[in-house]
N, C-alpha and C. Protein backbone atom coordinates (compact mmCIF):
# COMPACT_ATOMS: atom_id res chain seq x y z
N MET A 1 0.85 -1.19 0.01
CA MET A 1 -0.01 0.00 0.00
C MET A 1 0.85 1.23 -0.01
N GLN A 2 0.68 2.11 -0.99
CA GLN A 2 1.46 3.32 -1.04
C GLN A 2 0.65 4.47 -0.37
N ILE A 3 1.32 5.30 0.34
CA ILE A 3 0.66 6.37 1.09
C ILE A 3 1.13 7.72 0.52
N ASP A 4 0.18 8.50 0.12
CA ASP A 4 0.43 9.87 -0.35
C ASP A 4 0.30 10.81 0.82
N SER A 5 1.40 11.25 1.40
CA SER A 5 1.32 12.05 2.63
C SER A 5 0.64 13.39 2.46
N HIS A 6 0.70 13.99 1.25
CA HIS A 6 -0.03 15.23 1.02
C HIS A 6 -1.53 15.01 1.06
N ALA A 7 -1.96 13.95 0.37
CA ALA A 7 -3.38 13.64 0.33
C ALA A 7 -3.86 13.21 1.72
N THR A 8 -3.09 12.51 2.48
CA THR A 8 -3.40 12.14 3.84
C THR A 8 -3.64 13.33 4.76
N ARG A 9 -2.71 14.32 4.68
CA ARG A 9 -2.84 15.49 5.48
C ARG A 9 -4.10 16.32 5.06
N ALA A 10 -4.37 16.40 3.77
CA ALA A 10 -5.58 17.08 3.36
C ALA A 10 -6.84 16.38 3.89
N MET A 11 -6.88 15.05 3.80
CA MET A 11 -8.00 14.30 4.27
C MET A 11 -8.18 14.48 5.77
N GLN A 12 -7.12 14.45 6.55
CA GLN A 12 -7.22 14.60 8.00
C GLN A 12 -7.72 16.01 8.30
N ALA A 13 -7.33 17.04 7.57
CA ALA A 13 -7.79 18.40 7.82
C ALA A 13 -9.29 18.46 7.50
N THR A 14 -9.75 17.80 6.49
CA THR A 14 -11.15 17.81 6.16
C THR A 14 -11.94 17.14 7.24
N ALA A 15 -11.45 15.97 7.74
CA ALA A 15 -12.12 15.26 8.81
C ALA A 15 -12.20 16.08 10.05
N LYS A 16 -11.10 16.83 10.41
CA LYS A 16 -11.11 17.69 11.57
C LYS A 16 -12.19 18.79 11.41
N SER A 17 -12.30 19.40 10.27
CA SER A 17 -13.25 20.44 10.11
C SER A 17 -14.67 19.87 10.14
N ALA A 18 -14.89 18.68 9.62
CA ALA A 18 -16.21 18.05 9.72
C ALA A 18 -16.57 17.71 11.15
N ARG A 19 -15.54 17.40 11.93
CA ARG A 19 -15.82 17.10 13.36
C ARG A 19 -16.16 18.34 14.16
N GLY A 20 -15.74 19.48 13.66
CA GLY A 20 -16.00 20.68 14.43
C GLY A 20 -17.41 21.28 14.21
N ARG A 21 -18.13 20.82 13.23
CA ARG A 21 -19.45 21.32 12.94
C ARG A 21 -20.46 20.60 13.78
N GLN A 22 -21.58 21.31 14.03
CA GLN A 22 -22.69 20.78 14.84
C GLN A 22 -23.25 19.47 14.20
N GLY A 23 -23.65 19.53 12.94
CA GLY A 23 -24.23 18.41 12.27
C GLY A 23 -23.17 17.56 11.57
N ARG A 24 -22.36 16.91 12.36
CA ARG A 24 -21.26 16.13 11.80
C ARG A 24 -21.82 15.02 10.94
N SER A 25 -21.12 14.77 9.88
CA SER A 25 -21.58 13.72 8.96
C SER A 25 -21.26 12.34 9.53
N PRO A 26 -21.95 11.30 9.07
CA PRO A 26 -21.76 9.95 9.63
C PRO A 26 -20.31 9.47 9.45
N TRP A 27 -19.65 9.80 8.37
CA TRP A 27 -18.30 9.32 8.13
C TRP A 27 -17.33 9.92 9.18
N ALA A 28 -17.56 11.20 9.52
CA ALA A 28 -16.67 11.83 10.55
C ALA A 28 -16.89 11.13 11.90
N ARG A 29 -18.16 10.89 12.25
CA ARG A 29 -18.46 10.21 13.52
C ARG A 29 -17.91 8.79 13.49
N LEU A 30 -17.97 8.13 12.35
CA LEU A 30 -17.38 6.77 12.24
C LEU A 30 -15.88 6.78 12.47
N LEU A 31 -15.21 7.73 11.83
CA LEU A 31 -13.74 7.82 12.02
C LEU A 31 -13.36 8.14 13.44
N ASP A 32 -14.12 9.03 14.08
CA ASP A 32 -13.90 9.38 15.48
C ASP A 32 -14.02 8.12 16.35
N SER A 33 -15.09 7.38 16.06
CA SER A 33 -15.28 6.11 16.82
C SER A 33 -14.20 5.10 16.67
N LEU A 34 -13.72 4.99 15.43
CA LEU A 34 -12.62 4.04 15.15
C LEU A 34 -11.33 4.46 15.88
N ILE A 35 -11.05 5.80 15.86
CA ILE A 35 -9.85 6.32 16.54
C ILE A 35 -9.98 6.10 18.08
N GLU A 36 -11.19 6.28 18.56
CA GLU A 36 -11.43 6.06 19.98
C GLU A 36 -11.27 4.57 20.35
N LEU A 37 -11.77 3.68 19.48
CA LEU A 37 -11.61 2.24 19.69
C LEU A 37 -10.12 1.88 19.69
N ALA A 38 -9.32 2.63 18.93
CA ALA A 38 -7.88 2.36 18.87
C ALA A 38 -7.16 2.99 20.06
N GLY A 39 -7.88 3.55 21.02
CA GLY A 39 -7.23 4.13 22.16
C GLY A 39 -6.44 5.36 21.85
N GLY A 40 -6.79 6.02 20.73
CA GLY A 40 -6.10 7.26 20.35
C GLY A 40 -4.69 6.99 19.75
N HIS A 41 -4.35 5.74 19.50
CA HIS A 41 -3.03 5.39 18.99
C HIS A 41 -2.96 5.27 17.50
N ALA A 42 -4.13 5.40 16.83
CA ALA A 42 -4.16 5.22 15.34
C ALA A 42 -4.02 6.53 14.66
N GLU A 43 -3.32 6.54 13.51
CA GLU A 43 -3.26 7.69 12.64
C GLU A 43 -3.96 7.28 11.31
N LEU A 44 -4.90 8.12 10.93
CA LEU A 44 -5.67 7.83 9.70
C LEU A 44 -4.82 8.01 8.48
N LEU A 45 -4.77 6.97 7.64
CA LEU A 45 -4.04 7.00 6.42
C LEU A 45 -4.92 7.28 5.23
N SER A 46 -6.13 6.67 5.20
CA SER A 46 -7.02 6.86 4.07
C SER A 46 -8.46 6.53 4.53
N HIS A 47 -9.39 7.02 3.76
CA HIS A 47 -10.78 6.71 4.00
C HIS A 47 -11.50 6.92 2.64
N ALA A 48 -12.37 5.95 2.34
CA ALA A 48 -13.22 5.98 1.14
C ALA A 48 -14.63 5.57 1.50
N GLU A 49 -15.58 6.19 0.88
CA GLU A 49 -16.99 5.92 1.13
C GLU A 49 -17.71 5.76 -0.23
N ARG A 50 -18.55 4.71 -0.28
CA ARG A 50 -19.31 4.54 -1.53
C ARG A 50 -20.74 4.11 -1.17
N PRO A 51 -21.71 4.46 -1.94
CA PRO A 51 -23.10 4.10 -1.69
C PRO A 51 -23.27 2.61 -1.71
N TRP A 52 -24.25 2.08 -0.98
CA TRP A 52 -24.56 0.68 -0.90
C TRP A 52 -26.05 0.56 -0.76
N ALA A 53 -26.67 -0.45 -1.46
CA ALA A 53 -28.11 -0.68 -1.34
C ALA A 53 -28.44 -2.10 -1.63
N SER A 54 -29.47 -2.57 -0.96
CA SER A 54 -30.04 -3.89 -1.23
C SER A 54 -31.53 -3.67 -1.56
N ALA A 55 -32.29 -4.72 -1.70
CA ALA A 55 -33.71 -4.55 -1.94
C ALA A 55 -34.45 -3.88 -0.81
N THR A 56 -33.97 -4.02 0.40
CA THR A 56 -34.63 -3.45 1.56
C THR A 56 -33.89 -2.40 2.33
N PHE A 57 -32.57 -2.26 2.10
CA PHE A 57 -31.79 -1.31 2.91
C PHE A 57 -30.91 -0.47 2.02
N SER A 58 -30.54 0.75 2.52
CA SER A 58 -29.59 1.55 1.86
C SER A 58 -28.59 2.07 2.89
N GLY A 59 -27.46 2.50 2.39
CA GLY A 59 -26.42 2.97 3.29
C GLY A 59 -25.14 3.27 2.54
N THR A 60 -24.02 3.10 3.26
CA THR A 60 -22.71 3.35 2.66
C THR A 60 -21.70 2.30 3.16
N ARG A 61 -20.77 2.00 2.31
CA ARG A 61 -19.68 1.10 2.67
C ARG A 61 -18.41 1.98 2.78
N HIS A 62 -17.70 1.81 3.91
CA HIS A 62 -16.55 2.62 4.22
C HIS A 62 -15.31 1.72 4.30
N THR A 63 -14.19 2.20 3.72
CA THR A 63 -12.95 1.54 3.87
C THR A 63 -11.96 2.56 4.45
N ALA A 64 -11.24 2.17 5.47
CA ALA A 64 -10.33 3.09 6.13
C ALA A 64 -9.03 2.33 6.48
N ALA A 65 -7.93 3.08 6.40
CA ALA A 65 -6.64 2.49 6.78
C ALA A 65 -6.04 3.36 7.87
N PHE A 66 -5.42 2.66 8.84
CA PHE A 66 -4.82 3.36 10.00
C PHE A 66 -3.43 2.74 10.17
N THR A 67 -2.53 3.58 10.75
CA THR A 67 -1.22 3.12 11.14
C THR A 67 -1.05 3.30 12.64
N PHE A 68 -0.40 2.36 13.26
CA PHE A 68 -0.12 2.34 14.71
C PHE A 68 1.39 2.21 14.80
N THR A 69 2.03 3.23 15.35
CA THR A 69 3.50 3.25 15.42
C THR A 69 4.03 3.25 16.84
N GLY A 70 4.92 2.31 17.11
CA GLY A 70 5.51 2.15 18.44
C GLY A 70 4.92 0.96 19.17
N ALA A 71 5.63 0.46 20.19
CA ALA A 71 5.25 -0.76 20.89
C ALA A 71 3.88 -0.64 21.51
N GLU A 72 3.61 0.48 22.21
CA GLU A 72 2.32 0.66 22.85
C GLU A 72 1.19 0.74 21.81
N ALA A 73 1.45 1.38 20.72
CA ALA A 73 0.45 1.51 19.66
C ALA A 73 0.19 0.15 18.99
N VAL A 74 1.20 -0.65 18.84
CA VAL A 74 1.01 -2.01 18.30
C VAL A 74 0.15 -2.85 19.21
N GLU A 75 0.31 -2.68 20.53
CA GLU A 75 -0.55 -3.37 21.48
C GLU A 75 -1.98 -2.90 21.33
N ALA A 76 -2.16 -1.62 21.15
CA ALA A 76 -3.52 -1.03 20.93
C ALA A 76 -4.12 -1.59 19.62
N ALA A 77 -3.29 -1.78 18.59
CA ALA A 77 -3.72 -2.33 17.30
C ALA A 77 -4.20 -3.74 17.46
N GLU A 78 -3.56 -4.52 18.24
CA GLU A 78 -3.95 -5.90 18.49
C GLU A 78 -5.33 -5.92 19.17
N HIS A 79 -5.56 -5.03 20.13
CA HIS A 79 -6.83 -4.90 20.83
C HIS A 79 -7.91 -4.45 19.81
N PHE A 80 -7.55 -3.52 18.97
CA PHE A 80 -8.48 -2.99 17.91
C PHE A 80 -8.97 -4.08 17.01
N ILE A 81 -8.04 -4.92 16.57
CA ILE A 81 -8.44 -6.05 15.67
C ILE A 81 -9.42 -7.02 16.32
N VAL A 82 -9.18 -7.31 17.56
CA VAL A 82 -10.08 -8.23 18.33
C VAL A 82 -11.41 -7.56 18.57
N ALA A 83 -11.41 -6.30 18.94
CA ALA A 83 -12.63 -5.59 19.38
C ALA A 83 -13.57 -5.14 18.22
N LEU A 84 -13.00 -4.83 17.09
CA LEU A 84 -13.78 -4.23 16.01
C LEU A 84 -15.04 -5.00 15.61
N PRO A 85 -14.97 -6.30 15.35
CA PRO A 85 -16.18 -6.97 14.84
C PRO A 85 -17.41 -6.89 15.76
N ASP A 86 -17.21 -6.78 17.04
CA ASP A 86 -18.31 -6.78 18.03
C ASP A 86 -18.58 -5.41 18.68
N HIS A 87 -17.80 -4.38 18.21
CA HIS A 87 -17.95 -3.06 18.80
C HIS A 87 -19.32 -2.48 18.52
N GLU A 88 -19.94 -1.85 19.54
CA GLU A 88 -21.20 -1.16 19.38
C GLU A 88 -20.94 0.32 19.08
N PHE A 89 -21.22 0.71 17.85
CA PHE A 89 -21.03 2.14 17.42
C PHE A 89 -22.27 2.91 17.72
N ALA A 90 -22.08 4.19 18.10
CA ALA A 90 -23.18 5.09 18.36
C ALA A 90 -23.11 6.21 17.33
N ILE A 91 -23.74 6.03 16.17
CA ILE A 91 -23.74 7.00 15.13
C ILE A 91 -25.21 7.26 14.81
N PRO A 92 -25.68 8.48 15.17
CA PRO A 92 -27.11 8.81 15.01
C PRO A 92 -27.55 8.60 13.57
N GLY A 93 -28.68 7.88 13.43
CA GLY A 93 -29.31 7.67 12.12
C GLY A 93 -28.62 6.51 11.33
N GLN A 94 -27.64 5.89 11.92
CA GLN A 94 -26.91 4.83 11.24
C GLN A 94 -26.80 3.59 12.12
N LEU A 95 -26.73 2.45 11.45
CA LEU A 95 -26.52 1.18 12.10
C LEU A 95 -25.31 0.56 11.44
N VAL A 96 -24.32 0.19 12.23
CA VAL A 96 -23.15 -0.51 11.63
C VAL A 96 -23.49 -1.94 11.53
N ALA A 97 -23.78 -2.46 10.33
CA ALA A 97 -24.24 -3.79 10.11
C ALA A 97 -23.07 -4.77 10.01
N ASP A 98 -21.91 -4.30 9.59
CA ASP A 98 -20.76 -5.15 9.48
C ASP A 98 -19.46 -4.35 9.66
N ALA A 99 -18.51 -4.90 10.35
CA ALA A 99 -17.24 -4.24 10.60
C ALA A 99 -16.17 -5.36 10.60
N ALA A 100 -15.20 -5.20 9.70
CA ALA A 100 -14.19 -6.26 9.56
C ALA A 100 -12.84 -5.67 9.25
N VAL A 101 -11.81 -6.36 9.70
CA VAL A 101 -10.45 -6.04 9.29
C VAL A 101 -10.20 -6.75 7.99
N ILE A 102 -9.78 -6.08 6.95
CA ILE A 102 -9.59 -6.73 5.67
C ILE A 102 -8.09 -6.87 5.35
N GLU A 103 -7.23 -6.14 6.10
CA GLU A 103 -5.78 -6.30 5.91
C GLU A 103 -5.12 -5.80 7.19
N ALA A 104 -4.06 -6.58 7.59
CA ALA A 104 -3.26 -6.17 8.75
C ALA A 104 -1.82 -6.50 8.44
N ARG A 105 -0.98 -5.54 8.58
CA ARG A 105 0.48 -5.82 8.29
C ARG A 105 1.33 -5.21 9.40
N LEU A 106 2.17 -6.06 10.00
CA LEU A 106 3.07 -5.62 11.08
C LEU A 106 4.49 -5.66 10.54
N ASP A 107 5.13 -4.49 10.66
CA ASP A 107 6.56 -4.35 10.35
C ASP A 107 7.28 -4.01 11.67
N MET A 108 8.36 -4.72 11.95
CA MET A 108 9.06 -4.49 13.21
C MET A 108 10.24 -3.52 13.06
N LEU A 109 10.75 -3.27 11.88
CA LEU A 109 11.91 -2.41 11.72
C LEU A 109 11.54 -1.25 10.81
N PRO A 110 12.00 -0.06 11.02
CA PRO A 110 12.90 0.36 12.03
C PRO A 110 12.21 0.51 13.43
N VAL A 111 10.90 0.74 13.43
CA VAL A 111 10.17 0.70 14.71
C VAL A 111 8.92 -0.08 14.46
N PRO A 112 8.34 -0.74 15.50
CA PRO A 112 7.11 -1.49 15.31
C PRO A 112 6.01 -0.62 14.74
N THR A 113 5.44 -1.09 13.60
CA THR A 113 4.40 -0.33 12.89
C THR A 113 3.37 -1.34 12.42
N PHE A 114 2.13 -1.09 12.77
CA PHE A 114 1.01 -1.96 12.36
C PHE A 114 0.12 -1.12 11.47
N VAL A 115 -0.11 -1.61 10.23
CA VAL A 115 -1.06 -0.93 9.34
C VAL A 115 -2.26 -1.82 9.18
N ILE A 116 -3.44 -1.24 9.49
CA ILE A 116 -4.67 -2.02 9.48
C ILE A 116 -5.66 -1.30 8.55
N GLU A 117 -6.25 -2.11 7.68
CA GLU A 117 -7.37 -1.64 6.78
C GLU A 117 -8.63 -2.28 7.22
N VAL A 118 -9.68 -1.49 7.37
CA VAL A 118 -11.01 -2.00 7.79
C VAL A 118 -12.03 -1.62 6.80
N GLU A 119 -13.12 -2.41 6.84
CA GLU A 119 -14.29 -2.13 5.99
C GLU A 119 -15.57 -2.21 6.85
N LEU A 120 -16.42 -1.23 6.73
CA LEU A 120 -17.62 -1.15 7.53
C LEU A 120 -18.82 -0.81 6.62
N LEU A 121 -19.96 -1.47 6.95
CA LEU A 121 -21.19 -1.22 6.24
C LEU A 121 -22.12 -0.44 7.18
N LEU A 122 -22.49 0.75 6.80
CA LEU A 122 -23.41 1.56 7.57
C LEU A 122 -24.78 1.56 6.87
N LEU A 123 -25.81 1.21 7.59
CA LEU A 123 -27.16 1.23 7.06
C LEU A 123 -27.93 2.43 7.63
N ASP A 124 -28.71 3.07 6.76
CA ASP A 124 -29.54 4.18 7.17
C ASP A 124 -30.70 3.54 8.04
N GLU A 125 -30.86 4.14 9.22
CA GLU A 125 -31.97 3.70 10.09
C GLU A 125 -33.24 4.25 9.50
N MET A 126 -34.26 3.45 9.59
CA MET A 126 -35.57 3.84 9.05
C MET A 126 -36.43 4.39 10.14
């Protein structure tokens, strides 16, 4: 996975400004929840959102990648991987129907770094 640091900084700035508004969008609340689940040790690398629909439900599918750097952060990443599938998200108007780790890569040198990519399905509550 290649990381464009300029695009990552721009995306993080956009997410921060979305967090500061009263009516925060579901994706900003989702990213906040994921960072909180990571114990504040995760740095957002990327996020993508695309519409999703079935015959009875509509919503969005989100893919996000995070990096955890340092021994303490790697420990938090391990907890994140275990906790994500059963985590209860509180996102108004949305139900997290599925949450899964789709890629996890641990590099030990030069410092321990865990890169985790997740995919979540958010359904619009009726």
